[in-house]
Every structure is written in C-alpha cells, then in structure tokens.
N, C-alpha and C. Protein backbone atom coordinates (compact mmCIF):
# COMPACT_ATOMS: atom_id res chain seq x y z
N MET A 1 119.86 80.32 65.61
CA MET A 1 119.10 81.40 65.33
C MET A 1 119.91 82.12 66.85
N PRO A 2 120.84 82.90 65.93
CA PRO A 2 120.74 84.13 67.35
C PRO A 2 120.44 84.71 68.51
N ILE A 3 120.44 84.96 69.62
CA ILE A 3 119.54 85.55 70.72
C ILE A 3 119.93 87.34 69.94
N LYS A 4 118.31 87.57 70.39
CA LYS A 4 118.45 89.01 69.86
C LYS A 4 117.69 90.06 71.19
N MET A 5 117.31 89.45 72.56
CA MET A 5 117.50 90.46 73.20
C MET A 5 116.76 89.67 74.35
N ILE A 6 117.02 89.32 75.69
CA ILE A 6 116.73 88.88 77.33
C ILE A 6 116.34 89.85 77.91
N ALA A 7 114.33 89.47 78.60
CA ALA A 7 113.88 90.30 79.34
C ALA A 7 113.62 89.00 80.39
N THR A 8 113.14 90.13 81.63
CA THR A 8 114.00 89.72 82.91
C THR A 8 113.06 90.62 84.16
N ASP A 9 112.02 89.99 84.57
CA ASP A 9 111.76 91.06 86.02
C ASP A 9 112.10 91.29 86.98
N MET A 10 112.04 92.22 87.94
CA MET A 10 113.20 92.48 89.16
C MET A 10 112.62 91.56 90.53
N ASP A 11 111.75 92.24 90.86
CA ASP A 11 111.97 91.17 92.09
C ASP A 11 111.66 89.84 91.74
N GLY A 12 113.16 89.08 92.34
CA GLY A 12 112.89 88.23 92.94
C GLY A 12 114.07 87.39 91.65
N THR A 13 114.36 88.03 90.74
CA THR A 13 115.78 87.57 89.80
C THR A 13 116.67 88.46 89.77
N LEU A 14 116.90 89.88 89.51
CA LEU A 14 118.02 90.60 89.59
C LEU A 14 117.82 91.85 91.30
N LEU A 15 116.64 91.56 91.82
CA LEU A 15 116.88 91.81 93.31
C LEU A 15 116.88 90.60 94.34
N ASP A 16 118.67 90.94 94.49
CA ASP A 16 118.19 90.09 95.93
C ASP A 16 116.73 89.91 96.86
N PRO A 17 117.42 89.01 98.06
CA PRO A 17 115.85 88.51 98.45
C PRO A 17 115.99 90.11 99.65
N ARG A 18 117.65 91.20 99.43
CA ARG A 18 117.02 92.54 100.31
C ARG A 18 116.50 93.23 99.71
N GLY A 19 115.93 93.00 98.44
CA GLY A 19 115.40 93.59 97.99
C GLY A 19 116.74 94.64 97.10
N GLU A 20 117.84 94.56 96.67
CA GLU A 20 119.23 95.35 96.15
C GLU A 20 119.36 94.95 95.26
N LEU A 21 120.89 95.30 93.96
CA LEU A 21 121.61 94.79 93.06
C LEU A 21 121.89 95.62 92.79
N ASP A 22 123.01 93.99 92.30
CA ASP A 22 124.30 94.38 92.20
C ASP A 22 124.67 95.31 90.70
N LEU A 23 124.41 97.25 90.49
CA LEU A 23 125.09 97.59 89.69
C LEU A 23 126.74 97.39 89.46
N PRO A 24 127.57 97.29 89.59
CA PRO A 24 128.41 96.64 89.11
C PRO A 24 128.10 95.83 87.85
N ARG A 25 127.64 94.43 89.04
CA ARG A 25 127.80 92.95 87.96
C ARG A 25 126.91 93.26 86.71
N LEU A 26 125.49 94.01 87.04
CA LEU A 26 124.61 94.47 86.16
C LEU A 26 125.41 95.17 84.61
N THR A 27 126.07 96.21 85.12
CA THR A 27 127.07 96.51 84.08
C THR A 27 127.79 96.15 83.57
N ALA A 28 128.46 95.08 83.67
CA ALA A 28 129.82 93.85 82.81
C ALA A 28 128.63 93.09 82.13
N VAL A 29 127.42 92.63 82.89
CA VAL A 29 126.47 92.18 81.87
C VAL A 29 126.10 93.27 80.52
N LEU A 30 125.52 94.29 81.23
CA LEU A 30 125.43 95.22 79.34
C LEU A 30 126.13 95.01 78.60
N ASP A 31 127.62 95.48 79.41
CA ASP A 31 128.87 95.45 78.51
C ASP A 31 128.63 94.81 77.57
N GLN A 32 128.11 93.43 77.75
CA GLN A 32 128.56 92.29 77.07
C GLN A 32 127.67 91.71 76.38
N LEU A 33 126.52 92.17 76.19
CA LEU A 33 125.07 91.75 76.03
C LEU A 33 125.00 93.72 74.46
N GLU A 34 125.45 94.28 74.79
CA GLU A 34 125.92 95.65 73.85
C GLU A 34 126.79 95.25 72.83
N GLU A 35 128.02 94.18 73.09
CA GLU A 35 129.32 93.59 72.15
C GLU A 35 128.51 92.67 71.10
N ARG A 36 127.26 92.44 71.13
CA ARG A 36 126.81 91.45 70.82
C ARG A 36 125.43 91.81 70.43
N ASP A 37 124.98 92.27 71.02
CA ASP A 37 123.91 93.20 70.01
C ASP A 37 122.64 92.38 70.29
N ILE A 38 122.36 93.14 71.51
CA ILE A 38 121.36 91.76 72.44
C ILE A 38 120.82 93.05 73.46
N LYS A 39 119.75 93.25 73.15
CA LYS A 39 118.86 94.69 73.75
C LYS A 39 118.99 93.38 75.44
N PHE A 40 118.54 94.35 76.46
CA PHE A 40 118.14 93.63 77.52
C PHE A 40 116.60 94.51 78.01
N VAL A 41 115.41 94.34 78.49
CA VAL A 41 114.27 94.88 78.25
C VAL A 41 114.77 94.30 80.10
N ILE A 42 113.78 95.07 80.67
CA ILE A 42 112.99 94.29 81.85
C ILE A 42 111.76 94.48 82.61
N ALA A 43 110.67 94.34 82.87
CA ALA A 43 109.21 94.27 82.26
C ALA A 43 109.05 94.32 84.19
N THR A 44 108.54 94.50 84.55
CA THR A 44 108.02 94.92 86.18
C THR A 44 106.91 95.79 85.97
N GLY A 45 106.07 95.41 87.68
CA GLY A 45 105.35 95.80 88.10
C GLY A 45 105.24 97.09 88.80
N ASN A 46 106.61 97.42 88.80
CA ASN A 46 107.45 98.65 89.71
C ASN A 46 106.56 100.21 88.14
N GLU A 47 107.11 101.23 88.95
CA GLU A 47 107.16 102.80 88.79
C GLU A 47 108.37 102.90 88.31
N ILE A 48 108.48 103.55 87.25
CA ILE A 48 109.86 104.58 86.96
C ILE A 48 110.09 105.09 87.90
N GLN A 49 109.85 105.98 88.68
CA GLN A 49 111.06 106.10 89.83
C GLN A 49 111.65 105.22 90.60
N ARG A 50 111.10 104.33 91.01
CA ARG A 50 111.39 103.14 90.97
C ARG A 50 112.51 102.64 90.66
N MET A 51 112.17 102.62 89.23
CA MET A 51 114.10 102.13 88.73
C MET A 51 114.44 102.89 88.10
N ARG A 52 114.16 103.80 88.45
CA ARG A 52 115.35 104.63 87.79
C ARG A 52 116.08 104.87 89.32
N LEU A 53 115.61 105.04 90.32
CA LEU A 53 116.04 105.15 91.65
C LEU A 53 117.42 103.59 92.03
N LEU A 54 116.82 102.84 91.27
CA LEU A 54 117.62 101.49 91.63
C LEU A 54 118.46 101.43 90.29
N LEU A 55 118.53 101.37 88.82
CA LEU A 55 119.01 101.74 88.47
C LEU A 55 120.59 102.16 88.33
N GLY A 56 120.10 104.24 88.42
CA GLY A 56 120.62 104.81 88.05
C GLY A 56 120.84 105.14 86.53
N ASP A 57 121.56 106.39 86.13
CA ASP A 57 122.91 105.60 84.88
C ASP A 57 122.09 105.01 83.82
N LEU A 58 122.06 103.41 84.33
CA LEU A 58 121.73 102.46 83.37
C LEU A 58 120.21 101.71 82.61
N THR A 59 119.31 102.45 83.80
CA THR A 59 118.62 103.22 82.46
C THR A 59 118.19 103.57 81.31
N GLU A 60 119.94 104.56 80.34
CA GLU A 60 119.66 104.87 79.00
C GLU A 60 120.24 103.50 78.73
N ARG A 61 120.12 101.82 79.24
CA ARG A 61 121.79 100.77 78.46
C ARG A 61 120.25 99.99 78.18
N MET A 62 118.88 100.00 78.69
CA MET A 62 117.75 98.97 78.56
C MET A 62 116.83 100.10 77.98
N THR A 63 115.92 98.94 77.92
CA THR A 63 114.17 98.99 77.90
C THR A 63 113.75 99.15 79.09
N LEU A 64 112.40 99.24 79.33
CA LEU A 64 111.12 99.44 80.95
C LEU A 64 110.12 99.45 80.39
N ILE A 65 109.50 97.96 80.76
CA ILE A 65 108.77 97.96 80.60
C ILE A 65 108.10 98.17 81.88
N VAL A 66 107.25 98.86 82.23
CA VAL A 66 107.05 99.40 83.70
C VAL A 66 105.54 99.09 83.80
N ALA A 67 104.93 100.04 85.17
CA ALA A 67 103.75 100.15 85.99
C ALA A 67 102.28 98.33 85.28
N ASN A 68 103.63 97.29 85.40
CA ASN A 68 103.11 95.99 84.14
C ASN A 68 102.23 96.51 82.85
N GLY A 69 103.27 96.64 82.29
CA GLY A 69 102.56 97.07 80.94
C GLY A 69 102.27 97.85 80.90
N ALA A 70 102.53 99.60 81.23
CA ALA A 70 101.59 100.26 80.87
C ALA A 70 102.33 101.55 79.89
N ARG A 71 103.56 101.51 80.98
CA ARG A 71 104.17 102.14 80.41
C ARG A 71 105.65 101.77 79.60
N ILE A 72 106.26 101.72 78.30
CA ILE A 72 107.44 101.45 78.01
C ILE A 72 108.44 102.28 77.82
N PHE A 73 109.77 102.68 78.28
CA PHE A 73 110.58 103.52 78.30
C PHE A 73 112.06 102.64 78.15
N GLU A 74 112.64 103.51 76.59
CA GLU A 74 114.05 102.84 75.65
C GLU A 74 114.43 103.94 76.10
N LYS A 75 115.69 103.96 76.33
CA LYS A 75 116.82 104.68 76.62
C LYS A 75 116.45 106.06 77.93
N ASN A 76 115.25 105.46 78.90
CA ASN A 76 115.20 106.28 79.36
C ASN A 76 114.25 107.69 79.48
N GLU A 77 113.56 107.73 77.71
CA GLU A 77 112.48 108.07 77.07
C GLU A 77 110.70 107.09 77.01
N MET A 78 110.05 108.16 77.50
CA MET A 78 108.31 107.16 77.45
C MET A 78 108.36 106.78 75.97
N LEU A 79 108.48 105.83 75.33
CA LEU A 79 107.93 105.98 73.78
C LEU A 79 106.36 105.07 74.26
N LEU A 80 105.57 104.93 74.88
CA LEU A 80 103.99 104.01 74.91
C LEU A 80 103.76 104.06 76.43
N GLY A 81 102.47 104.80 76.42
CA GLY A 81 101.97 105.32 78.27
C GLY A 81 100.72 104.98 77.88
N THR A 82 100.04 104.21 79.34
CA THR A 82 98.73 104.45 79.29
C THR A 82 98.76 104.99 80.55
N PHE A 83 97.14 105.85 80.43
CA PHE A 83 97.23 106.17 82.14
C PHE A 83 95.54 106.52 82.19
N TRP A 84 95.28 106.01 83.51
CA TRP A 84 93.78 106.08 83.85
C TRP A 84 93.44 108.33 83.52
N GLN A 85 91.82 107.99 82.61
CA GLN A 85 91.55 109.41 83.15
C GLN A 85 90.69 109.21 84.58
N PRO A 86 91.51 111.20 84.16
CA PRO A 86 90.52 111.67 85.03
C PRO A 86 88.97 111.42 85.58
N ASP A 87 88.09 111.00 84.76
CA ASP A 87 86.84 111.24 85.59
C ASP A 87 86.79 109.56 85.69
N LEU A 88 87.40 108.31 85.78
CA LEU A 88 87.72 107.04 85.66
C LEU A 88 88.12 107.06 87.01
N ILE A 89 88.73 107.76 86.94
CA ILE A 89 89.28 108.05 88.86
C ILE A 89 89.14 108.18 89.85
N ALA A 90 88.36 109.62 89.28
CA ALA A 90 86.95 109.84 90.14
C ALA A 90 86.28 109.25 90.30
N ASP A 91 85.94 108.47 89.63
CA ASP A 91 84.76 107.29 89.87
C ASP A 91 84.77 106.21 90.75
N THR A 92 86.99 105.76 90.68
CA THR A 92 86.98 104.76 91.28
C THR A 92 87.38 105.04 92.95
N LEU A 93 87.42 106.30 93.37
CA LEU A 93 87.57 107.29 94.65
C LEU A 93 86.43 107.03 94.48
N ALA A 94 84.96 107.22 94.48
CA ALA A 94 84.11 107.50 95.01
C ALA A 94 83.59 106.02 95.30
N TYR A 95 83.70 105.53 94.18
CA TYR A 95 83.55 104.18 95.16
C TYR A 95 83.97 103.71 95.85
N PHE A 96 84.93 103.47 96.30
CA PHE A 96 85.62 102.97 97.03
C PHE A 96 85.33 103.79 98.84
N SER A 97 85.48 104.83 98.40
CA SER A 97 85.09 105.85 99.72
C SER A 97 83.56 105.91 99.59
N GLY A 98 82.73 104.87 99.51
CA GLY A 98 81.17 104.80 100.20
C GLY A 98 80.70 105.85 99.65
N SER A 99 81.26 106.16 98.85
CA SER A 99 79.98 107.35 98.55
C SER A 99 79.14 107.60 96.28
N ARG A 100 80.04 106.29 96.39
CA ARG A 100 78.97 105.39 94.82
C ARG A 100 78.22 104.30 94.65
N THR A 101 77.05 104.02 94.40
CA THR A 101 77.19 102.05 94.57
C THR A 101 76.92 101.68 93.92
N ARG A 102 77.15 100.52 93.64
CA ARG A 102 77.73 99.66 92.59
C ARG A 102 76.43 99.82 90.62
N GLY A 103 75.23 99.94 91.62
CA GLY A 103 73.69 100.26 90.96
C GLY A 103 73.72 101.94 90.38
N ALA A 104 74.51 102.54 90.88
CA ALA A 104 74.93 104.62 90.79
C ALA A 104 75.38 104.22 89.23
N SER A 105 75.62 103.50 88.23
CA SER A 105 76.17 103.46 86.83
C SER A 105 76.40 102.23 86.56
N GLY A 106 75.32 101.78 87.07
CA GLY A 106 74.67 100.50 86.01
C GLY A 106 76.22 98.89 86.67
N GLY A 107 76.49 99.24 87.19
CA GLY A 107 77.40 98.14 88.05
C GLY A 107 79.06 97.85 87.31
N HIS A 108 79.08 99.20 86.81
CA HIS A 108 80.57 98.93 86.64
C HIS A 108 81.24 100.53 85.67
N PHE A 109 82.20 101.07 85.77
CA PHE A 109 82.87 102.18 85.65
C PHE A 109 83.21 102.48 84.01
N HIS A 110 83.23 104.20 83.61
CA HIS A 110 82.70 104.28 82.68
C HIS A 110 84.84 104.06 82.43
C-alpha cells in the first residue's frame, strides 16, 4: 500500500535540542514528498505564529495542525478553527483571579 501522508511533531522531532530546524534539509524532504504526492503534516501544541516564524515560506507546502488540534492550516490558510467564546474567557479569568469561586456557577464553567 503506498504512503499517502507523513505526520510529525515539532519539539523533539523536527527541532533539534536547541529548538532549531534544518530548513534546507526539510525543503529537500518536501521536494521528495511532493514528487511522490505524499502530504506532509505537522501536529503541534505551538500556535501558527510560531510555526510561521520557524518554517517561513515552507508553511505553504504543508498542513499544520496547531494549538493542540484547535486549528488546522492547509497551505497557510485556516481550514478549521476552534476558539474560546468571550464569556468563557471572562469566567475563566475571574475564576483564576479569585473573584469567582467554584460554587458560583455550580462548580464548572459554561
């Protein structure tokens, strides 16, 4: 069965122990994968801004699953994005600042 996709993490996988990436090597790998019609996917807890900083124009040549799966980018365009609602953010900040206790909303956030 032919390989259709390769997925990888960033930290400890593509990035070396200093947090650096070998861009020329990754470019050569992407060239070979594209010749074989194999998709390259990076799944990471990092946000898209950090990935764009690390990868530069290479983001145009891959799929990025960022923010622990909350957003998916294909060729640097967001296909799917999940974001916290403003009221949930306000409740969470209030809770952790101590101005709201667990019992105030039944023990959980809405």
